[in-house]
Amino acid sequence: MDAANAAGDRESTAWLEPEQWKNYMGKETRKALYGAFPDEELLAVLRETAARLGRNPSKKEVFCVYRVFLIQRFGNWPRALTAAGLKRPREQRRADNRRRNEEALRRRKAQELSGQAAAKEAGLTTKTEGEA
């Protein structure tokens, strides 16, 4: 099955393979097609696919021509997802993780301190070596 026929047959995996398309489109045609897609149109493909799937799409779930163009345009798949607003930038995710970890540590320390204070108030603490 050639790529042109496979494009209409989504049951076939040929429509997903960029190498198939290279066989049927010359370099100049591919270059003109690539230039014809503005960033926002490529990102809209990602957003629409994510909405349809209910999650961020993997590379293989996006039509090969769009997939290749997205990666060429944005550098890699995670950057394309970030540009589409589907994924937060790495720096932001790391900062959020640090903040959550710090908050959890503060809560644990507060619980430990409040538990120690309650035990001391109830007279349940044991005497340390320095105490007589």
C-alpha atoms as a PDB file:
ATOM      1  CA  MET A   1       0.000   0.000   0.000  1.00  0.00           C
ATOM      2  CA  ASP A   2       1.461   3.384  -0.909  1.00  0.00           C
ATOM      3  CA  ALA A   3       1.450   6.362   1.475  1.00  0.00           C
ATOM      4  CA  ALA A   4      -1.255   8.203  -0.448  1.00  0.00           C
ATOM      5  CA  ASN A   5      -3.689   5.297   0.016  1.00  0.00           C
ATOM      6  CA  ALA A   6      -2.519   4.631   3.553  1.00  0.00           C
ATOM      7  CA  ALA A   7      -3.294   8.231   4.526  1.00  0.00           C
ATOM      8  CA  GLY A   8      -6.983   7.492   4.117  1.00  0.00           C
ATOM      9  CA  ASP A   9      -6.713   4.132   5.885  1.00  0.00           C
ATOM     10  CA  ARG A  10      -5.940   4.817   9.541  1.00  0.00           C
ATOM     11  CA  GLU A  11      -5.947   1.113  10.323  1.00  0.00           C
ATOM     12  CA  SER A  12      -2.715   0.872   8.362  1.00  0.00           C
ATOM     13  CA  THR A  13       0.490   1.927  10.100  1.00  0.00           C
ATOM     14  CA  ALA A  14       1.980   3.266   6.852  1.00  0.00           C
ATOM     15  CA  TRP A  15       0.229   6.604   7.328  1.00  0.00           C
ATOM     16  CA  LEU A  16       2.242   7.061  10.536  1.00  0.00           C
ATOM     17  CA  GLU A  17       5.680   6.544   9.005  1.00  0.00           C
ATOM     18  CA  PRO A  18       7.578   9.660   7.902  1.00  0.00           C
ATOM     19  CA  GLU A  19       9.836   7.570   5.661  1.00  0.00           C
ATOM     20  CA  GLN A  20       6.809   6.624   3.541  1.00  0.00           C
ATOM     21  CA  TRP A  21       6.058  10.283   2.917  1.00  0.00           C
ATOM     22  CA  LYS A  22       9.644  11.031   1.906  1.00  0.00           C
ATOM     23  CA  ASN A  23       9.274   8.455  -0.852  1.00  0.00           C
ATOM     24  CA  TYR A  24       6.333  10.343  -2.372  1.00  0.00           C
ATOM     25  CA  MET A  25       7.298  13.966  -1.796  1.00  0.00           C
ATOM     26  CA  GLY A  26      10.446  15.635  -3.054  1.00  0.00           C
ATOM     27  CA  LYS A  27      12.643  17.735  -0.788  1.00  0.00           C
ATOM     28  CA  GLU A  28      11.355  21.016  -2.228  1.00  0.00           C
ATOM     29  CA  THR A  29       7.733  19.924  -1.787  1.00  0.00           C
ATOM     30  CA  ARG A  30       8.391  18.931   1.830  1.00  0.00           C
ATOM     31  CA  LYS A  31      10.132  22.263   2.448  1.00  0.00           C
ATOM     32  CA  ALA A  32       7.212  24.218   0.946  1.00  0.00           C
ATOM     33  CA  LEU A  33       4.701  22.182   2.947  1.00  0.00           C
ATOM     34  CA  TYR A  34       6.697  22.724   6.175  1.00  0.00           C
ATOM     35  CA  GLY A  35       6.731  26.472   5.585  1.00  0.00           C
ATOM     36  CA  ALA A  36       2.991  26.509   4.888  1.00  0.00           C
ATOM     37  CA  PHE A  37       2.151  25.556   8.491  1.00  0.00           C
ATOM     38  CA  PRO A  38       2.305  28.430  10.965  1.00  0.00           C
ATOM     39  CA  ASP A  39       3.310  27.559  14.539  1.00  0.00           C
ATOM     40  CA  GLU A  40      -0.209  28.078  15.857  1.00  0.00           C
ATOM     41  CA  GLU A  41      -1.701  25.634  13.364  1.00  0.00           C
ATOM     42  CA  LEU A  42       0.798  22.933  14.331  1.00  0.00           C
ATOM     43  CA  LEU A  43       0.147  23.567  18.029  1.00  0.00           C
ATOM     44  CA  ALA A  44      -3.596  23.404  17.396  1.00  0.00           C
ATOM     45  CA  VAL A  45      -3.085  19.870  16.053  1.00  0.00           C
ATOM     46  CA  LEU A  46      -1.514  18.912  19.394  1.00  0.00           C
ATOM     47  CA  ARG A  47      -4.277  20.572  21.418  1.00  0.00           C
ATOM     48  CA  GLU A  48      -7.031  18.937  19.365  1.00  0.00           C
ATOM     49  CA  THR A  49      -5.392  15.511  19.649  1.00  0.00           C
ATOM     50  CA  ALA A  50      -4.992  15.961  23.417  1.00  0.00           C
ATOM     51  CA  ALA A  51      -8.649  16.961  23.734  1.00  0.00           C
ATOM     52  CA  ARG A  52      -9.749  13.928  21.727  1.00  0.00           C
ATOM     53  CA  LEU A  53      -7.557  11.541  23.758  1.00  0.00           C
ATOM     54  CA  GLY A  54      -8.189  13.183  27.122  1.00  0.00           C
ATOM     55  CA  ARG A  55      -4.414  13.343  27.740  1.00  0.00           C
ATOM     56  CA  ASN A  56      -1.228  14.537  26.080  1.00  0.00           C
ATOM     57  CA  PRO A  57      -0.574  12.629  22.865  1.00  0.00           C
ATOM     58  CA  SER A  58       2.527  10.551  22.332  1.00  0.00           C
ATOM     59  CA  LYS A  59       4.502  11.145  19.151  1.00  0.00           C
ATOM     60  CA  LYS A  60       3.066   8.034  17.500  1.00  0.00           C
ATOM     61  CA  GLU A  61      -0.485   9.287  18.042  1.00  0.00           C
ATOM     62  CA  VAL A  62       0.075  12.334  15.826  1.00  0.00           C
ATOM     63  CA  PHE A  63       0.053  12.075  12.036  1.00  0.00           C
ATOM     64  CA  CYS A  64       3.647  11.691  10.845  1.00  0.00           C
ATOM     65  CA  VAL A  65       3.821  14.902   8.811  1.00  0.00           C
ATOM     66  CA  TYR A  66       2.610  16.993  11.758  1.00  0.00           C
ATOM     67  CA  ARG A  67       4.861  15.044  14.132  1.00  0.00           C
ATOM     68  CA  VAL A  68       7.984  15.677  12.035  1.00  0.00           C
ATOM     69  CA  PHE A  69       7.106  19.350  11.563  1.00  0.00           C
ATOM     70  CA  LEU A  70       6.425  19.835  15.304  1.00  0.00           C
ATOM     71  CA  ILE A  71       9.757  18.302  16.271  1.00  0.00           C
ATOM     72  CA  GLN A  72      11.639  20.303  13.611  1.00  0.00           C
ATOM     73  CA  ARG A  73       9.926  23.520  14.628  1.00  0.00           C
ATOM     74  CA  PHE A  74      10.138  23.219  18.424  1.00  0.00           C
ATOM     75  CA  GLY A  75      13.251  21.075  18.883  1.00  0.00           C
ATOM     76  CA  ASN A  76      11.730  18.015  20.546  1.00  0.00           C
ATOM     77  CA  TRP A  77       8.385  16.545  21.603  1.00  0.00           C
ATOM     78  CA  PRO A  78       8.315  17.887  25.202  1.00  0.00           C
ATOM     79  CA  ARG A  79       9.049  21.409  23.944  1.00  0.00           C
ATOM     80  CA  ALA A  80       6.214  21.147  21.423  1.00  0.00           C
ATOM     81  CA  LEU A  81       3.833  20.040  24.219  1.00  0.00           C
ATOM     82  CA  THR A  82       5.036  22.966  26.340  1.00  0.00           C
ATOM     83  CA  ALA A  83       4.554  25.431  23.463  1.00  0.00           C
ATOM     84  CA  ALA A  84       1.006  24.095  23.018  1.00  0.00           C
ATOM     85  CA  GLY A  85       0.309  24.738  26.697  1.00  0.00           C
ATOM     86  CA  LEU A  86      -0.143  21.037  27.399  1.00  0.00           C
ATOM     87  CA  LYS A  87       2.918  20.688  29.615  1.00  0.00           C
ATOM     88  CA  ARG A  88       4.483  23.129  32.066  1.00  0.00           C
ATOM     89  CA  PRO A  89       8.100  24.129  31.412  1.00  0.00           C
ATOM     90  CA  ARG A  90      10.715  22.005  33.219  1.00  0.00           C
ATOM     91  CA  GLU A  91      11.868  24.907  35.404  1.00  0.00           C
ATOM     92  CA  GLN A  92       8.321  25.507  36.613  1.00  0.00           C
ATOM     93  CA  ARG A  93       7.748  21.804  37.336  1.00  0.00           C
ATOM     94  CA  ARG A  94      10.998  21.634  39.320  1.00  0.00           C
ATOM     95  CA  ALA A  95      10.151  24.779  41.302  1.00  0.00           C
ATOM     96  CA  ASP A  96       6.691  23.367  42.097  1.00  0.00           C
ATOM     97  CA  ASN A  97       8.236  20.079  43.251  1.00  0.00           C
ATOM     98  CA  ARG A  98      10.722  21.907  45.492  1.00  0.00           C
ATOM     99  CA  ARG A  99       7.921  24.002  46.992  1.00  0.00           C
ATOM    100  CA  ARG A 100       5.763  20.905  47.658  1.00  0.00           C
ATOM    101  CA  ASN A 101       8.701  19.080  49.265  1.00  0.00           C
ATOM    102  CA  GLU A 102       9.505  22.058  51.496  1.00  0.00           C
ATOM    103  CA  GLU A 103       5.848  22.379  52.559  1.00  0.00           C
ATOM    104  CA  ALA A 104       5.660  18.670  53.380  1.00  0.00           C
ATOM    105  CA  LEU A 105       8.840  18.929  55.466  1.00  0.00           C
ATOM    106  CA  ARG A 106       7.450  21.940  57.380  1.00  0.00           C
ATOM    107  CA  ARG A 107       4.170  20.068  58.056  1.00  0.00           C
ATOM    108  CA  ARG A 108       6.068  17.008  59.353  1.00  0.00           C
ATOM    109  CA  LYS A 109       8.225  19.144  61.636  1.00  0.00           C
ATOM    110  CA  ALA A 110       5.145  21.001  62.929  1.00  0.00           C
ATOM    111  CA  GLN A 111       3.391  17.685  63.631  1.00  0.00           C
ATOM    112  CA  GLU A 112       6.457  16.365  65.455  1.00  0.00           C
ATOM    113  CA  LEU A 113       6.733  19.529  67.535  1.00  0.00           C
ATOM    114  CA  SER A 114       3.027  19.591  68.359  1.00  0.00           C
ATOM    115  CA  GLY A 115       3.169  15.894  69.271  1.00  0.00           C
ATOM    116  CA  GLN A 116       6.135  16.487  71.570  1.00  0.00           C
ATOM    117  CA  ALA A 117       4.439  19.473  73.207  1.00  0.00           C
ATOM    118  CA  ALA A 118       1.238  17.481  73.784  1.00  0.00           C
ATOM    119  CA  ALA A 119       3.175  14.564  75.250  1.00  0.00           C
ATOM    120  CA  LYS A 120       5.107  16.898  77.550  1.00  0.00           C
ATOM    121  CA  GLU A 121       1.871  18.555  78.659  1.00  0.00           C
ATOM    122  CA  ALA A 122       0.358  15.164  79.479  1.00  0.00           C
ATOM    123  CA  GLY A 123       3.487  14.164  81.370  1.00  0.00           C
ATOM    124  CA  LEU A 124       4.249  11.340  78.930  1.00  0.00           C
ATOM    125  CA  THR A 125       7.798  12.364  78.123  1.00  0.00           C
ATOM    126  CA  THR A 126      10.710  10.370  79.439  1.00  0.00           C
ATOM    127  CA  LYS A 127      13.534  12.069  81.239  1.00  0.00           C
ATOM    128  CA  THR A 128      16.805  12.369  79.384  1.00  0.00           C
ATOM    129  CA  GLU A 129      20.169  11.677  80.958  1.00  0.00           C
ATOM    130  CA  GLY A 130      20.745  15.341  81.808  1.00  0.00           C
ATOM    131  CA  GLU A 131      17.450  15.641  83.678  1.00  0.00           C
ATOM    132  CA  ALA A 132      17.067  14.433  87.276  1.00  0.00           C
END
